[in-house]
């Protein structure tokens, strides 16, 4: 808690990088009172002209400082759900604002050195960590100022490595799975039909993702009913997420 608190104490240089928000003072961003931060967030959502970075920092503080507990929520996700329902904002938008705030806080010193502000496009900030993994620090902090959001997002990915052609042809023959002409998996004769169908489905889902140069990830559930319930939420959230790109 103290380490998080200290990031916001002392001289508030961050204010220099944030536009004057008008009737709402930026002090709510640094408040130790959960209710005051919550009120500031809600006022901004309802149309008050306030910096996106200030909004993001406030949401990030509610999360990492555990201030959602003071507001009567057990988890930050519950606070976001409630906030989205009351304000009409999409959950993905609220989480994206938090990513912006988190990136600014963690890389504040370097962003202040280049004079990064709202005018430079705070929506680039969620791609900053990935850019630092794939490029030199000097290039990243030069391009986050000079590039558009789309350019910086694409550039942050680094060099995309095309998958080997053999993964574009994954087939199941008998008890074996082939990538091109190479066998990669063999099923035991004693495996049950249900287990085999399950593992075949996982393999083919991954193969299809590789073919499209996508990213595949497996999730675990207690039962099929829980998996189907998750799938409905997943499809809705994925659609909202892609609509923002």
Protein backbone atom coordinates (compact mmCIF):
# COMPACT_ATOMS: atom_id res chain seq x y z
CA UNK A 1 0.00 0.00 0.00
CA UNK A 2 2.76 2.46 0.94
CA UNK A 3 4.64 1.83 -2.29
CA UNK A 4 1.53 2.61 -4.28
CA UNK A 5 0.70 5.66 -2.20
CA UNK A 6 4.18 7.12 -2.63
CA UNK A 7 3.79 7.16 -6.41
CA UNK A 8 1.23 9.94 -5.98
CA UNK A 9 2.68 11.87 -3.00
CA UNK A 10 5.13 14.76 -3.11
CA UNK A 11 5.35 17.20 -6.07
CA UNK A 12 2.60 16.35 -8.49
CA UNK A 13 4.48 16.68 -11.75
CA UNK A 14 1.82 14.61 -13.46
CA UNK A 15 -0.50 17.62 -13.46
CA UNK A 16 1.75 19.26 -16.06
CA UNK A 17 0.95 16.47 -18.50
CA UNK A 18 -2.81 16.65 -18.00
CA UNK A 19 -5.08 19.32 -19.43
CA UNK A 20 -7.13 21.58 -17.19
CA UNK A 21 -10.31 19.58 -16.60
CA UNK A 22 -12.54 22.59 -15.93
CA UNK A 23 -15.02 22.35 -13.06
CA UNK A 24 -13.58 19.08 -11.69
CA UNK A 25 -10.24 19.49 -9.93
CA UNK A 26 -7.60 16.82 -10.40
CA UNK A 27 -7.21 16.39 -6.64
CA UNK A 28 -9.76 13.58 -6.77
CA UNK A 29 -7.16 11.51 -8.64
CA UNK A 30 -4.82 11.64 -5.64
CA UNK A 31 -7.41 11.41 -2.87
CA UNK A 32 -7.10 8.69 -0.23
CA UNK A 33 -10.89 8.68 0.11
CA UNK A 34 -12.55 5.99 -2.00
CA UNK A 35 -15.86 7.85 -2.13
CA UNK A 36 -14.20 11.04 -3.41
CA UNK A 37 -12.43 9.12 -6.21
CA UNK A 38 -15.65 7.31 -7.10
CA UNK A 39 -17.55 10.60 -7.28
CA UNK A 40 -14.88 12.09 -9.55
CA UNK A 41 -14.99 9.11 -11.89
CA UNK A 42 -18.78 9.23 -12.15
CA UNK A 43 -18.81 12.98 -12.80
CA UNK A 44 -16.30 12.55 -15.62
CA UNK A 45 -18.27 9.72 -17.21
CA UNK A 46 -21.40 11.85 -17.23
CA UNK A 47 -19.80 14.27 -19.63
CA UNK A 48 -17.45 16.53 -17.68
CA UNK A 49 -14.42 17.33 -19.81
CA UNK A 50 -11.63 15.54 -17.97
CA UNK A 51 -8.36 14.02 -19.08
CA UNK A 52 -8.50 10.37 -20.15
CA UNK A 53 -5.21 9.84 -18.34
CA UNK A 54 -6.64 11.22 -15.11
CA UNK A 55 -9.60 8.87 -15.45
CA UNK A 56 -7.28 5.94 -16.06
CA UNK A 57 -5.04 6.75 -13.11
CA UNK A 58 -8.08 7.01 -10.82
CA UNK A 59 -9.41 3.60 -11.93
CA UNK A 60 -5.94 2.08 -11.56
CA UNK A 61 -5.71 3.42 -8.02
CA UNK A 62 -9.12 2.02 -7.10
CA UNK A 63 -7.85 -1.37 -8.33
CA UNK A 64 -4.30 -1.66 -6.98
CA UNK A 65 -4.98 0.17 -3.71
CA UNK A 66 -8.02 -1.96 -2.98
CA UNK A 67 -10.26 1.10 -2.66
CA UNK A 68 -13.15 -0.84 -4.20
CA UNK A 69 -13.45 -2.55 -0.80
CA UNK A 70 -14.21 0.82 0.83
CA UNK A 71 -17.01 1.19 -1.72
CA UNK A 72 -18.58 -2.11 -0.70
CA UNK A 73 -17.22 -4.44 -3.40
CA UNK A 74 -15.23 -7.63 -2.85
CA UNK A 75 -13.50 -7.48 -6.24
CA UNK A 76 -12.47 -4.72 -8.63
CA UNK A 77 -14.42 -6.48 -11.40
CA UNK A 78 -17.61 -6.10 -9.33
CA UNK A 79 -16.94 -2.38 -9.03
CA UNK A 80 -16.43 -2.12 -12.81
CA UNK A 81 -19.64 -4.06 -13.49
CA UNK A 82 -21.60 -1.77 -11.17
CA UNK A 83 -20.00 1.35 -12.63
CA UNK A 84 -20.79 0.22 -16.18
CA UNK A 85 -24.39 -0.54 -15.31
CA UNK A 86 -24.97 2.80 -13.57
CA UNK A 87 -23.25 5.00 -16.17
CA UNK A 88 -24.03 3.10 -19.37
CA UNK A 89 -20.33 2.79 -20.23
CA UNK A 90 -19.01 -0.44 -21.73
CA UNK A 91 -16.91 -2.53 -19.34
CA UNK A 92 -14.22 -2.80 -22.01
CA UNK A 93 -13.96 1.00 -22.14
CA UNK A 94 -13.52 1.24 -18.38
CA UNK A 95 -10.85 -1.45 -18.36
CA UNK A 96 -9.10 0.21 -21.30
CA UNK A 97 -8.99 3.48 -19.35
CA UNK A 98 -7.40 1.60 -16.46
CA UNK A 99 -4.74 0.15 -18.79
CA UNK A 100 -3.97 3.71 -19.90
CA UNK A 101 -3.59 4.84 -16.28
CA UNK A 102 -1.45 1.84 -15.35
CA UNK A 103 0.92 2.37 -18.27
CA UNK A 104 1.27 6.06 -17.45
CA UNK A 105 2.00 5.43 -13.77
CA UNK A 106 4.56 2.70 -14.44
CA UNK A 107 6.39 4.68 -17.13
CA UNK A 108 5.70 8.18 -15.81
CA UNK A 109 9.34 9.30 -15.60
CA UNK A 110 10.11 8.44 -19.22
CA UNK A 111 6.82 9.87 -20.49
CA UNK A 112 7.44 13.13 -18.63
CA UNK A 113 10.88 13.38 -20.21
CA UNK A 114 9.33 13.46 -23.68
CA UNK A 115 6.48 15.73 -22.58
CA UNK A 116 3.77 13.16 -23.30
CA UNK A 117 0.25 14.55 -22.82
CA UNK A 118 -3.37 14.06 -23.86
CA UNK A 119 -2.55 15.73 -27.17
CA UNK A 120 -0.16 12.88 -28.02
CA UNK A 121 -2.91 10.26 -27.72
CA UNK A 122 -3.32 8.44 -24.39
CA UNK A 123 -5.00 5.55 -26.24
CA UNK A 124 -1.51 4.53 -27.37
CA UNK A 125 -0.47 3.77 -23.79
CA UNK A 126 -1.94 0.24 -23.49
CA UNK A 127 0.49 -0.84 -26.25
CA UNK A 128 3.53 0.64 -24.48
CA UNK A 129 4.56 -2.49 -22.50
CA UNK A 130 4.45 -4.68 -25.62
CA UNK A 131 6.44 -2.10 -27.60
CA UNK A 132 9.16 -2.10 -24.91
CA UNK A 133 9.42 -5.88 -25.18
CA UNK A 134 9.97 -5.76 -28.95
CA UNK A 135 11.93 -2.53 -29.50
CA UNK A 136 14.62 -0.35 -27.96
CA UNK A 137 13.53 2.05 -25.24
CA UNK A 138 14.69 5.12 -27.19
CA UNK A 139 12.72 4.06 -30.28
CA UNK A 140 9.58 3.37 -28.23
CA UNK A 141 9.47 6.76 -26.52
CA UNK A 142 10.24 8.51 -29.79
CA UNK A 143 7.50 6.73 -31.71
CA UNK A 144 4.81 6.99 -29.05
CA UNK A 145 5.00 10.75 -29.62
CA UNK A 146 5.31 10.71 -33.39
CA UNK A 147 3.13 7.81 -34.52
CA UNK A 148 -0.64 7.63 -34.77
CA UNK A 149 -2.44 5.15 -32.51
CA UNK A 150 -2.87 2.65 -35.36
CA UNK A 151 0.78 2.96 -36.41
CA UNK A 152 2.05 2.56 -32.84
CA UNK A 153 -0.24 -0.42 -32.18
CA UNK A 154 1.00 -2.23 -35.30
CA UNK A 155 4.64 -1.30 -34.67
CA UNK A 156 4.48 -2.43 -31.03
CA UNK A 157 3.99 -6.02 -32.16
CA UNK A 158 7.49 -6.16 -33.59
CA UNK A 159 8.30 -8.37 -36.55
CA UNK A 160 5.47 -10.84 -37.10
CA UNK A 161 6.94 -14.29 -37.71
CA UNK A 162 4.93 -16.22 -40.24
CA UNK A 163 4.19 -19.78 -39.19
CA UNK A 164 5.78 -22.67 -41.01
CA UNK A 165 3.70 -23.74 -44.03
CA UNK A 166 3.25 -27.23 -42.61
CA UNK A 167 0.98 -25.86 -39.87
CA UNK A 168 -1.42 -24.68 -42.54
CA UNK A 169 -2.30 -28.32 -43.16
CA UNK A 170 -3.07 -30.18 -39.92
CA UNK A 171 -4.97 -33.43 -40.40
CA UNK A 172 -6.05 -36.45 -38.38
CA UNK A 173 -5.30 -39.84 -39.94
CA UNK A 174 -6.05 -42.96 -37.95
CA UNK A 175 -4.56 -42.60 -34.48
CA UNK A 176 -2.19 -39.81 -35.45
CA UNK A 177 -2.33 -36.07 -36.04
CA UNK A 178 -0.16 -34.71 -38.86
CA UNK A 179 1.22 -31.23 -39.50
CA UNK A 180 1.85 -31.37 -43.22
CA UNK A 181 3.51 -34.77 -43.70
CA UNK A 182 4.98 -34.89 -40.18
CA UNK A 183 3.22 -36.81 -37.38
CA UNK A 184 3.01 -34.67 -34.23
CA UNK A 185 0.63 -36.60 -31.94
CA UNK A 186 -0.28 -40.27 -31.63
CA UNK A 187 -3.34 -41.43 -29.69
CA UNK A 188 -3.18 -44.61 -27.61
CA UNK A 189 -5.39 -47.49 -28.74
CA UNK A 190 -6.95 -47.57 -25.28
CA UNK A 191 -8.11 -43.94 -25.18
CA UNK A 192 -11.87 -43.53 -24.82
CA UNK A 193 -13.80 -42.03 -27.76
CA UNK A 194 -14.92 -39.10 -25.57
CA UNK A 195 -11.37 -38.27 -24.47
CA UNK A 196 -10.07 -38.57 -28.01
CA UNK A 197 -12.73 -36.20 -29.39
CA UNK A 198 -11.85 -33.72 -26.65
CA UNK A 199 -8.12 -33.71 -27.40
CA UNK A 200 -8.68 -33.68 -31.14
CA UNK A 201 -10.85 -30.57 -30.76
CA UNK A 202 -8.13 -28.82 -28.72
CA UNK A 203 -5.46 -29.67 -31.29
CA UNK A 204 -7.52 -28.54 -34.26
CA UNK A 205 -8.51 -25.29 -32.53
CA UNK A 206 -4.83 -24.51 -31.97
CA UNK A 207 -3.97 -25.48 -35.53
CA UNK A 208 -6.63 -23.16 -36.91
CA UNK A 209 -5.26 -20.29 -34.82
CA UNK A 210 -1.73 -20.97 -36.12
CA UNK A 211 -3.02 -21.00 -39.68
CA UNK A 212 -4.50 -17.53 -39.20
CA UNK A 213 -1.50 -16.20 -37.25
CA UNK A 214 -3.73 -15.78 -34.22
CA UNK A 215 -3.22 -16.42 -30.52
CA UNK A 216 -4.97 -19.38 -28.89
CA UNK A 217 -5.47 -19.92 -25.17
CA UNK A 218 -7.21 -22.73 -23.26
CA UNK A 219 -9.57 -22.15 -20.31
CA UNK A 220 -10.66 -24.69 -17.71
CA UNK A 221 -14.19 -25.08 -16.34
CA UNK A 222 -15.94 -27.26 -13.78
CA UNK A 223 -18.45 -28.55 -16.32
CA UNK A 224 -19.97 -28.03 -19.78
CA UNK A 225 -22.69 -25.73 -18.43
CA UNK A 226 -20.10 -23.36 -17.00
CA UNK A 227 -18.14 -23.47 -20.27
CA UNK A 228 -21.23 -22.58 -22.31
CA UNK A 229 -22.08 -19.70 -19.98
CA UNK A 230 -18.54 -18.38 -20.35
CA UNK A 231 -18.71 -18.71 -24.12
CA UNK A 232 -21.69 -16.35 -24.30
CA UNK A 233 -19.84 -13.73 -22.25
CA UNK A 234 -16.65 -14.30 -24.26
CA UNK A 235 -18.35 -13.74 -27.61
CA UNK A 236 -20.00 -10.54 -26.40
CA UNK A 237 -16.83 -9.10 -24.90
CA UNK A 238 -14.67 -10.10 -27.88
CA UNK A 239 -17.07 -8.34 -30.24
CA UNK A 240 -16.95 -5.17 -28.11
CA UNK A 241 -13.17 -5.33 -27.88
CA UNK A 242 -12.68 -5.69 -31.62
CA UNK A 243 -15.15 -2.89 -32.29
CA UNK A 244 -12.77 -0.52 -30.50
CA UNK A 245 -9.76 -1.33 -32.68
